[in-house]
Amino acid sequence: MVMIASSALSNSGAIKVASDATKLADPVGIQICLAKQPFAPSATLVIGDLVEADFAGYLPIQGPGGNQFWGYAADNASLLINIGQWPTGPAIWRTASAAALPQTIYGFWISDIVTGLVVYASGLLDDPEILSRAGQFVSLDALFLRYKPLF
């Protein structure tokens, strides 16, 4: 016989993800990368679907390792995992020169820091950012993974 998992069980899975030392809570950390080509975020996205930014001054930003902070959304309909818990504010990338510009930044993804080959999550910017000269920047505020009950 087939059973339906409760919200409590579904949420416990999300909580385990936030503290899984082989994924988001890797002690080495995670990294956030910028995408310079359009893509569609999905659960089946792989690194080969993404084209990483390469403007002068760009490097993936490393997030802190260890357990990620989690909590319930105000609507109580989902559980949120705060990715990276940036202690110093938003993640910011700045163009160092006009080399490799223009570039349009469409979105971002989170991957493991050791190989950079495992995509954990991805998202799109509200509006693509067109970088065309030195001194421009892309900024990402707090990043959250949202888990909703399966039913």
N, C-alpha and C. Protein backbone atom coordinates (compact mmCIF):
# COMPACT_ATOMS: atom_id res chain seq x y z
N MET A 1 0.82 -1.17 0.00
CA MET A 1 0.00 0.00 0.00
C MET A 1 0.88 1.24 0.00
N VAL A 2 0.44 2.27 -0.68
CA VAL A 2 1.18 3.52 -0.79
C VAL A 2 0.66 4.51 0.23
N MET A 3 1.58 5.23 0.89
CA MET A 3 1.21 6.26 1.86
C MET A 3 1.68 7.62 1.36
N ILE A 4 1.06 8.66 1.85
CA ILE A 4 1.45 10.03 1.55
C ILE A 4 2.24 10.56 2.75
N ALA A 5 3.40 11.12 2.50
CA ALA A 5 4.21 11.68 3.59
C ALA A 5 3.56 12.92 4.16
N SER A 6 3.71 13.12 5.46
CA SER A 6 3.16 14.30 6.12
C SER A 6 4.06 15.51 5.86
N SER A 7 3.54 16.69 6.15
CA SER A 7 4.36 17.91 6.04
C SER A 7 5.55 17.82 6.97
N ALA A 8 5.36 17.25 8.15
CA ALA A 8 6.46 17.13 9.11
C ALA A 8 7.59 16.30 8.51
N LEU A 9 7.26 15.23 7.84
CA LEU A 9 8.28 14.39 7.22
C LEU A 9 8.94 15.10 6.06
N SER A 10 8.15 15.78 5.22
CA SER A 10 8.71 16.53 4.09
C SER A 10 9.65 17.61 4.59
N ASN A 11 9.24 18.34 5.63
CA ASN A 11 10.09 19.40 6.17
C ASN A 11 11.36 18.84 6.78
N SER A 12 11.29 17.66 7.38
CA SER A 12 12.49 17.08 7.97
C SER A 12 13.52 16.79 6.88
N GLY A 13 13.06 16.46 5.68
CA GLY A 13 13.99 16.26 4.56
C GLY A 13 14.71 17.54 4.22
N ALA A 14 14.00 18.65 4.20
CA ALA A 14 14.61 19.95 3.91
C ALA A 14 15.62 20.32 5.01
N ILE A 15 15.28 20.04 6.25
CA ILE A 15 16.17 20.35 7.37
C ILE A 15 17.45 19.52 7.24
N LYS A 16 17.32 18.27 6.83
CA LYS A 16 18.50 17.42 6.63
C LYS A 16 19.38 17.97 5.51
N VAL A 17 18.78 18.50 4.45
CA VAL A 17 19.54 19.09 3.35
C VAL A 17 20.39 20.25 3.88
N ALA A 18 19.82 21.06 4.76
CA ALA A 18 20.53 22.22 5.30
C ALA A 18 21.74 21.84 6.13
N SER A 19 21.76 20.60 6.64
CA SER A 19 22.88 20.18 7.49
C SER A 19 23.66 19.00 6.92
N ASP A 20 23.44 18.66 5.65
CA ASP A 20 24.14 17.54 5.01
C ASP A 20 25.57 17.96 4.64
N ALA A 21 26.54 17.39 5.31
CA ALA A 21 27.94 17.76 5.11
C ALA A 21 28.47 17.37 3.73
N THR A 22 27.70 16.61 2.96
CA THR A 22 28.15 16.27 1.61
C THR A 22 27.50 17.18 0.57
N LYS A 23 26.65 18.11 1.00
CA LYS A 23 25.95 19.01 0.07
C LYS A 23 26.08 20.45 0.57
N LEU A 24 24.97 21.09 0.93
CA LEU A 24 24.98 22.50 1.31
C LEU A 24 25.82 22.79 2.54
N ALA A 25 25.93 21.85 3.45
CA ALA A 25 26.69 22.08 4.68
C ALA A 25 28.11 21.54 4.59
N ASP A 26 28.62 21.34 3.38
CA ASP A 26 30.00 20.90 3.19
C ASP A 26 30.92 21.83 3.99
N PRO A 27 31.79 21.28 4.84
CA PRO A 27 32.66 22.15 5.65
C PRO A 27 33.56 23.05 4.80
N VAL A 28 33.86 22.64 3.58
CA VAL A 28 34.69 23.45 2.69
C VAL A 28 33.91 24.65 2.17
N GLY A 29 32.61 24.50 2.05
CA GLY A 29 31.76 25.59 1.60
C GLY A 29 31.11 25.31 0.26
N ILE A 30 30.35 26.28 -0.19
CA ILE A 30 29.67 26.24 -1.48
C ILE A 30 30.07 27.50 -2.24
N GLN A 31 29.73 27.55 -3.51
CA GLN A 31 30.06 28.74 -4.27
C GLN A 31 28.86 29.20 -5.09
N ILE A 32 28.80 30.52 -5.29
CA ILE A 32 27.75 31.10 -6.13
C ILE A 32 28.42 31.60 -7.39
N CYS A 33 27.86 31.20 -8.52
CA CYS A 33 28.40 31.55 -9.84
C CYS A 33 27.36 32.35 -10.62
N LEU A 34 27.82 33.19 -11.52
CA LEU A 34 26.92 33.98 -12.37
C LEU A 34 26.84 33.36 -13.76
N ALA A 35 25.65 33.41 -14.35
CA ALA A 35 25.40 32.85 -15.68
C ALA A 35 25.29 33.98 -16.70
N LYS A 36 26.06 33.88 -17.79
CA LYS A 36 26.03 34.91 -18.82
C LYS A 36 25.22 34.52 -20.04
N GLN A 37 24.55 33.40 -20.00
CA GLN A 37 23.65 32.98 -21.08
C GLN A 37 22.29 32.66 -20.47
N PRO A 38 21.21 32.86 -21.23
CA PRO A 38 19.89 32.51 -20.69
C PRO A 38 19.80 31.02 -20.36
N PHE A 39 19.06 30.70 -19.33
CA PHE A 39 18.81 29.31 -18.95
C PHE A 39 17.49 29.25 -18.21
N ALA A 40 16.96 28.07 -18.07
CA ALA A 40 15.71 27.87 -17.35
C ALA A 40 16.01 27.06 -16.08
N PRO A 41 15.89 27.68 -14.90
CA PRO A 41 16.11 26.92 -13.67
C PRO A 41 15.18 25.71 -13.60
N SER A 42 15.73 24.59 -13.21
CA SER A 42 14.92 23.38 -13.06
C SER A 42 15.64 22.41 -12.13
N ALA A 43 14.92 21.43 -11.68
CA ALA A 43 15.49 20.41 -10.80
C ALA A 43 16.48 19.52 -11.53
N THR A 44 16.43 19.51 -12.86
CA THR A 44 17.31 18.63 -13.64
C THR A 44 18.46 19.39 -14.29
N LEU A 45 18.66 20.65 -13.94
CA LEU A 45 19.74 21.46 -14.50
C LEU A 45 21.09 20.85 -14.15
N VAL A 46 21.98 20.78 -15.13
CA VAL A 46 23.34 20.29 -14.91
C VAL A 46 24.32 21.37 -15.35
N ILE A 47 25.55 21.25 -14.91
CA ILE A 47 26.56 22.27 -15.16
C ILE A 47 26.73 22.56 -16.66
N GLY A 48 26.54 21.55 -17.51
CA GLY A 48 26.67 21.75 -18.95
C GLY A 48 25.58 22.63 -19.54
N ASP A 49 24.51 22.89 -18.80
CA ASP A 49 23.44 23.78 -19.25
C ASP A 49 23.75 25.25 -18.99
N LEU A 50 24.84 25.52 -18.29
CA LEU A 50 25.15 26.88 -17.83
C LEU A 50 26.44 27.39 -18.45
N VAL A 51 26.48 28.69 -18.72
CA VAL A 51 27.70 29.34 -19.21
C VAL A 51 28.09 30.40 -18.18
N GLU A 52 29.25 30.19 -17.57
CA GLU A 52 29.67 31.06 -16.47
C GLU A 52 30.22 32.38 -16.98
N ALA A 53 29.95 33.44 -16.23
CA ALA A 53 30.50 34.77 -16.54
C ALA A 53 32.02 34.70 -16.55
N ASP A 54 32.64 35.58 -17.32
CA ASP A 54 34.10 35.59 -17.38
C ASP A 54 34.67 37.00 -17.56
N PHE A 55 33.94 38.01 -17.07
CA PHE A 55 34.44 39.38 -17.17
C PHE A 55 35.63 39.57 -16.23
N ALA A 56 36.47 40.57 -16.52
CA ALA A 56 37.63 40.86 -15.67
C ALA A 56 37.14 41.22 -14.28
N GLY A 57 37.68 40.54 -13.28
CA GLY A 57 37.28 40.76 -11.90
C GLY A 57 36.30 39.72 -11.38
N TYR A 58 35.82 38.83 -12.27
CA TYR A 58 34.84 37.81 -11.85
C TYR A 58 35.53 36.57 -11.30
N LEU A 59 35.05 36.10 -10.20
CA LEU A 59 35.35 34.78 -9.64
C LEU A 59 34.10 34.34 -8.90
N PRO A 60 33.83 33.03 -8.85
CA PRO A 60 32.71 32.59 -8.00
C PRO A 60 32.95 33.06 -6.57
N ILE A 61 31.87 33.36 -5.88
CA ILE A 61 31.98 33.78 -4.48
C ILE A 61 31.73 32.58 -3.59
N GLN A 62 32.68 32.35 -2.67
CA GLN A 62 32.57 31.22 -1.77
C GLN A 62 31.68 31.58 -0.59
N GLY A 63 30.73 30.68 -0.32
CA GLY A 63 29.89 30.82 0.85
C GLY A 63 30.48 30.03 2.00
N PRO A 64 30.07 30.34 3.22
CA PRO A 64 30.63 29.64 4.37
C PRO A 64 30.21 28.17 4.40
N GLY A 65 31.10 27.34 4.90
CA GLY A 65 30.79 25.93 5.06
C GLY A 65 29.99 25.70 6.32
N GLY A 66 29.54 24.49 6.48
CA GLY A 66 28.80 24.12 7.68
C GLY A 66 27.30 24.25 7.50
N ASN A 67 26.58 23.96 8.58
CA ASN A 67 25.12 23.97 8.53
C ASN A 67 24.58 25.31 8.04
N GLN A 68 23.58 25.24 7.20
CA GLN A 68 22.91 26.43 6.69
C GLN A 68 21.71 26.73 7.58
N PHE A 69 21.46 28.00 7.82
CA PHE A 69 20.34 28.42 8.67
C PHE A 69 19.02 28.12 7.96
N TRP A 70 18.05 27.63 8.69
CA TRP A 70 16.73 27.35 8.11
C TRP A 70 15.64 27.83 9.06
N GLY A 71 14.46 28.02 8.49
CA GLY A 71 13.30 28.41 9.29
C GLY A 71 12.05 28.35 8.45
N TYR A 72 10.90 28.52 9.08
CA TYR A 72 9.63 28.47 8.38
C TYR A 72 9.25 29.86 7.85
N ALA A 73 8.73 29.90 6.64
CA ALA A 73 8.28 31.15 6.03
C ALA A 73 7.09 31.69 6.81
N ALA A 74 6.87 33.00 6.71
CA ALA A 74 5.78 33.65 7.45
C ALA A 74 4.42 33.06 7.10
N ASP A 75 4.27 32.56 5.88
CA ASP A 75 2.98 31.98 5.47
C ASP A 75 2.79 30.56 5.99
N ASN A 76 3.81 30.01 6.66
CA ASN A 76 3.80 28.65 7.19
C ASN A 76 3.55 27.59 6.12
N ALA A 77 3.64 27.97 4.85
CA ALA A 77 3.41 27.02 3.77
C ALA A 77 4.71 26.43 3.25
N SER A 78 5.85 26.91 3.74
CA SER A 78 7.11 26.39 3.25
C SER A 78 8.21 26.59 4.28
N LEU A 79 9.29 25.88 4.07
CA LEU A 79 10.47 25.99 4.89
C LEU A 79 11.56 26.62 4.03
N LEU A 80 12.32 27.55 4.59
CA LEU A 80 13.36 28.25 3.85
C LEU A 80 14.73 27.89 4.40
N ILE A 81 15.69 27.70 3.49
CA ILE A 81 17.08 27.51 3.87
C ILE A 81 17.84 28.73 3.36
N ASN A 82 18.49 29.45 4.28
CA ASN A 82 19.29 30.62 3.91
C ASN A 82 20.64 30.13 3.40
N ILE A 83 20.92 30.38 2.14
CA ILE A 83 22.15 29.89 1.53
C ILE A 83 23.29 30.86 1.81
N GLY A 84 24.34 30.35 2.38
CA GLY A 84 25.55 31.13 2.57
C GLY A 84 25.58 32.01 3.80
N GLN A 85 24.44 32.47 4.27
CA GLN A 85 24.40 33.35 5.44
C GLN A 85 25.47 34.42 5.36
N TRP A 86 25.49 35.18 4.27
CA TRP A 86 26.53 36.17 4.04
C TRP A 86 26.63 37.11 5.24
N PRO A 87 27.71 37.04 5.99
CA PRO A 87 27.82 37.86 7.19
C PRO A 87 28.12 39.32 6.89
N THR A 88 28.60 39.63 5.71
CA THR A 88 29.02 41.00 5.42
C THR A 88 28.11 41.68 4.42
N GLY A 89 26.94 41.16 4.18
CA GLY A 89 26.02 41.78 3.23
C GLY A 89 25.85 40.95 1.98
N PRO A 90 25.40 41.58 0.91
CA PRO A 90 25.12 40.82 -0.31
C PRO A 90 26.39 40.32 -1.00
N ALA A 91 26.20 39.34 -1.87
CA ALA A 91 27.29 38.87 -2.73
C ALA A 91 27.41 39.87 -3.88
N ILE A 92 28.60 40.41 -4.09
CA ILE A 92 28.79 41.45 -5.11
C ILE A 92 29.97 41.09 -6.01
N TRP A 93 29.74 41.19 -7.31
CA TRP A 93 30.80 41.04 -8.31
C TRP A 93 30.94 42.38 -9.02
N ARG A 94 32.17 42.83 -9.28
CA ARG A 94 32.42 44.12 -9.91
C ARG A 94 33.35 43.93 -11.10
N THR A 95 33.03 44.59 -12.20
CA THR A 95 33.91 44.53 -13.37
C THR A 95 35.17 45.33 -13.09
N ALA A 96 36.34 44.71 -13.33
CA ALA A 96 37.62 45.36 -13.07
C ALA A 96 38.10 46.19 -14.26
N SER A 97 37.64 45.82 -15.45
CA SER A 97 38.01 46.55 -16.67
C SER A 97 36.95 46.25 -17.72
N ALA A 98 37.15 46.78 -18.90
CA ALA A 98 36.19 46.53 -19.99
C ALA A 98 36.50 45.23 -20.73
N ALA A 99 37.53 44.52 -20.32
CA ALA A 99 37.89 43.25 -20.97
C ALA A 99 36.72 42.27 -20.89
N ALA A 100 36.45 41.58 -21.98
CA ALA A 100 35.39 40.56 -22.10
C ALA A 100 33.99 41.15 -21.94
N LEU A 101 33.86 42.45 -22.10
CA LEU A 101 32.54 43.10 -22.05
C LEU A 101 32.14 43.51 -23.46
N PRO A 102 30.86 43.65 -23.76
CA PRO A 102 29.75 43.54 -22.83
C PRO A 102 29.39 42.09 -22.51
N GLN A 103 28.79 41.90 -21.36
CA GLN A 103 28.22 40.62 -20.95
C GLN A 103 26.88 40.90 -20.28
N THR A 104 25.94 40.03 -20.54
CA THR A 104 24.64 40.12 -19.86
C THR A 104 24.56 39.00 -18.86
N ILE A 105 24.27 39.33 -17.61
CA ILE A 105 24.15 38.33 -16.55
C ILE A 105 22.67 38.05 -16.36
N TYR A 106 22.30 36.79 -16.56
CA TYR A 106 20.90 36.37 -16.51
C TYR A 106 20.50 35.77 -15.17
N GLY A 107 21.44 35.13 -14.50
CA GLY A 107 21.08 34.45 -13.27
C GLY A 107 22.31 33.93 -12.55
N PHE A 108 22.09 32.97 -11.70
CA PHE A 108 23.14 32.47 -10.83
C PHE A 108 22.84 31.03 -10.45
N TRP A 109 23.86 30.36 -9.97
CA TRP A 109 23.66 29.01 -9.45
C TRP A 109 24.61 28.78 -8.29
N ILE A 110 24.26 27.78 -7.49
CA ILE A 110 25.07 27.37 -6.35
C ILE A 110 25.61 25.99 -6.66
N SER A 111 26.91 25.81 -6.43
CA SER A 111 27.52 24.51 -6.69
C SER A 111 28.50 24.16 -5.58
N ASP A 112 28.98 22.93 -5.65
CA ASP A 112 30.00 22.51 -4.69
C ASP A 112 31.29 23.27 -5.02
N ILE A 113 32.11 23.46 -4.02
CA ILE A 113 33.33 24.24 -4.21
C ILE A 113 34.51 23.37 -4.65
N VAL A 114 34.45 22.09 -4.36
CA VAL A 114 35.58 21.21 -4.67
C VAL A 114 35.71 20.98 -6.17
N THR A 115 34.62 20.57 -6.82
CA THR A 115 34.69 20.30 -8.26
C THR A 115 34.00 21.38 -9.09
N GLY A 116 33.02 22.05 -8.50
CA GLY A 116 32.23 23.04 -9.24
C GLY A 116 31.30 22.41 -10.25
N LEU A 117 31.14 21.09 -10.20
CA LEU A 117 30.37 20.38 -11.22
C LEU A 117 28.96 20.00 -10.78
N VAL A 118 28.65 20.17 -9.50
CA VAL A 118 27.34 19.77 -9.00
C VAL A 118 26.49 21.02 -8.78
N VAL A 119 25.37 21.12 -9.49
CA VAL A 119 24.46 22.25 -9.33
C VAL A 119 23.46 21.92 -8.23
N TYR A 120 23.47 22.71 -7.15
CA TYR A 120 22.54 22.48 -6.05
C TYR A 120 21.24 23.27 -6.23
N ALA A 121 21.34 24.45 -6.81
CA ALA A 121 20.17 25.31 -6.99
C ALA A 121 20.53 26.40 -8.00
N SER A 122 19.51 27.00 -8.59
CA SER A 122 19.75 28.09 -9.55
C SER A 122 18.58 29.05 -9.51
N GLY A 123 18.82 30.24 -10.02
CA GLY A 123 17.77 31.24 -10.07
C GLY A 123 18.08 32.30 -11.11
N LEU A 124 17.07 33.05 -11.48
CA LEU A 124 17.21 34.13 -12.45
C LEU A 124 17.16 35.48 -11.74
N LEU A 125 17.87 36.45 -12.28
CA LEU A 125 17.74 37.82 -11.80
C LEU A 125 16.37 38.33 -12.21
N ASP A 126 15.83 39.27 -11.46
CA ASP A 126 14.54 39.85 -11.85
C ASP A 126 14.62 40.44 -13.25
N ASP A 127 15.72 41.12 -13.54
CA ASP A 127 16.01 41.67 -14.87
C ASP A 127 17.46 41.37 -15.17
N PRO A 128 17.79 40.91 -16.38
CA PRO A 128 19.20 40.68 -16.71
C PRO A 128 20.01 41.97 -16.53
N GLU A 129 21.24 41.81 -16.08
CA GLU A 129 22.15 42.94 -15.87
C GLU A 129 23.12 43.00 -17.05
N ILE A 130 23.15 44.13 -17.74
CA ILE A 130 24.07 44.31 -18.87
C ILE A 130 25.30 45.03 -18.36
N LEU A 131 26.44 44.36 -18.44
CA LEU A 131 27.71 44.93 -18.01
C LEU A 131 28.45 45.40 -19.25
N SER A 132 28.81 46.68 -19.31
CA SER A 132 29.43 47.20 -20.52
C SER A 132 30.67 48.05 -20.27
N ARG A 133 31.01 48.31 -18.98
CA ARG A 133 32.19 49.11 -18.70
C ARG A 133 32.75 48.75 -17.32
N ALA A 134 33.96 49.19 -17.08
CA ALA A 134 34.60 48.94 -15.79
C ALA A 134 33.82 49.61 -14.67
N GLY A 135 33.79 48.98 -13.51
CA GLY A 135 33.17 49.56 -12.33
C GLY A 135 31.70 49.21 -12.14
N GLN A 136 31.10 48.50 -13.08
CA GLN A 136 29.71 48.07 -12.89
C GLN A 136 29.70 46.84 -11.99
N PHE A 137 28.55 46.59 -11.36
CA PHE A 137 28.50 45.43 -10.49
C PHE A 137 27.16 44.71 -10.55
N VAL A 138 27.20 43.47 -10.11
CA VAL A 138 26.01 42.63 -9.93
C VAL A 138 25.97 42.28 -8.46
N SER A 139 24.80 42.41 -7.85
CA SER A 139 24.64 42.17 -6.42
C SER A 139 23.49 41.21 -6.18
N LEU A 140 23.71 40.22 -5.33
CA LEU A 140 22.66 39.30 -4.91
C LEU A 140 22.46 39.43 -3.42
N ASP A 141 21.24 39.77 -3.02
CA ASP A 141 20.92 39.85 -1.60
C ASP A 141 20.79 38.43 -1.05
N ALA A 142 20.21 38.29 0.10
CA ALA A 142 20.06 36.98 0.73
C ALA A 142 19.44 35.97 -0.23
N LEU A 143 19.99 34.79 -0.26
CA LEU A 143 19.51 33.71 -1.12
C LEU A 143 18.85 32.65 -0.27
N PHE A 144 17.66 32.22 -0.71
CA PHE A 144 16.92 31.21 0.03
C PHE A 144 16.47 30.09 -0.90
N LEU A 145 16.55 28.87 -0.40
CA LEU A 145 15.91 27.74 -1.06
C LEU A 145 14.57 27.57 -0.38
N ARG A 146 13.51 27.43 -1.16
CA ARG A 146 12.16 27.27 -0.61
C ARG A 146 11.71 25.83 -0.81
N TYR A 147 11.33 25.20 0.28
CA TYR A 147 10.77 23.85 0.24
C TYR A 147 9.30 23.94 0.58
N LYS A 148 8.46 23.42 -0.29
CA LYS A 148 7.02 23.39 -0.02
C LYS A 148 6.63 21.94 0.24
N PRO A 149 5.61 21.72 1.04
CA PRO A 149 5.14 20.34 1.23
C PRO A 149 4.81 19.71 -0.11
N LEU A 150 4.97 18.42 -0.19
CA LEU A 150 4.77 17.70 -1.45
C LEU A 150 3.32 17.58 -1.84
N PHE A 151 2.41 17.94 -0.98
CA PHE A 151 0.97 17.82 -1.29
C PHE A 151 0.22 19.00 -0.77
